[in-house]
Amino acid sequence: MKKYIEERAVEVANYIIENNATVRQAAKQFGISKSTVHMVVTV
């Protein structure tokens, strides 16, 4: 996995955990789609 993808995955996952956020909230925060959030976190 490329380094920037791994870093984004960790950043999004940490945001979701720390803020008890939904996929939709994380997507809005990072300016990406819900599908991208789901893919990044599950991969």
Protein backbone atom coordinates (compact mmCIF):
# COMPACT_ATOMS: atom_id res chain seq x y z
CA MET A 1 0.00 0.00 0.00
CA LYS A 2 1.31 3.44 -0.84
CA LYS A 3 2.42 5.57 2.09
CA TYR A 4 -0.04 8.44 1.52
CA ILE A 5 -2.98 6.01 1.35
CA GLU A 6 -1.92 4.38 4.58
CA GLU A 7 -1.55 7.78 6.27
CA ARG A 8 -5.00 8.87 5.09
CA ALA A 9 -6.52 5.62 6.33
CA VAL A 10 -5.02 6.11 9.78
CA GLU A 11 -6.10 9.75 9.87
CA VAL A 12 -9.69 8.95 8.88
CA ALA A 13 -9.90 6.00 11.29
CA ASN A 14 -8.57 8.11 14.16
CA TYR A 15 -11.09 10.84 13.38
CA ILE A 16 -13.95 8.33 13.44
CA ILE A 17 -12.79 6.80 16.72
CA GLU A 18 -11.96 10.04 18.54
CA ASN A 19 -15.15 11.81 17.50
CA ASN A 20 -17.46 8.79 17.48
CA ALA A 21 -18.22 9.93 13.93
CA THR A 22 -20.20 8.23 11.22
CA VAL A 23 -18.85 7.47 7.76
CA ARG A 24 -20.94 10.36 6.45
CA GLN A 25 -19.44 12.79 9.01
CA ALA A 26 -15.91 11.64 8.25
CA ALA A 27 -16.50 12.05 4.52
CA LYS A 28 -17.69 15.61 5.03
CA GLN A 29 -14.74 16.43 7.30
CA PHE A 30 -12.15 15.17 4.81
CA GLY A 31 -13.95 16.25 1.65
CA ILE A 32 -14.18 12.74 0.23
CA SER A 33 -17.08 10.45 -0.62
CA LYS A 34 -18.68 7.98 1.77
CA SER A 35 -17.54 5.17 -0.50
CA THR A 36 -13.94 6.36 -0.25
CA VAL A 37 -14.12 6.53 3.55
CA HIS A 38 -15.52 3.00 3.70
CA MET A 39 -12.89 1.69 1.28
CA VAL A 40 -10.00 3.42 3.08
CA VAL A 41 -11.01 2.21 6.52
CA THR A 42 -11.76 -1.38 5.51
CA VAL A 43 -8.59 -1.81 3.42
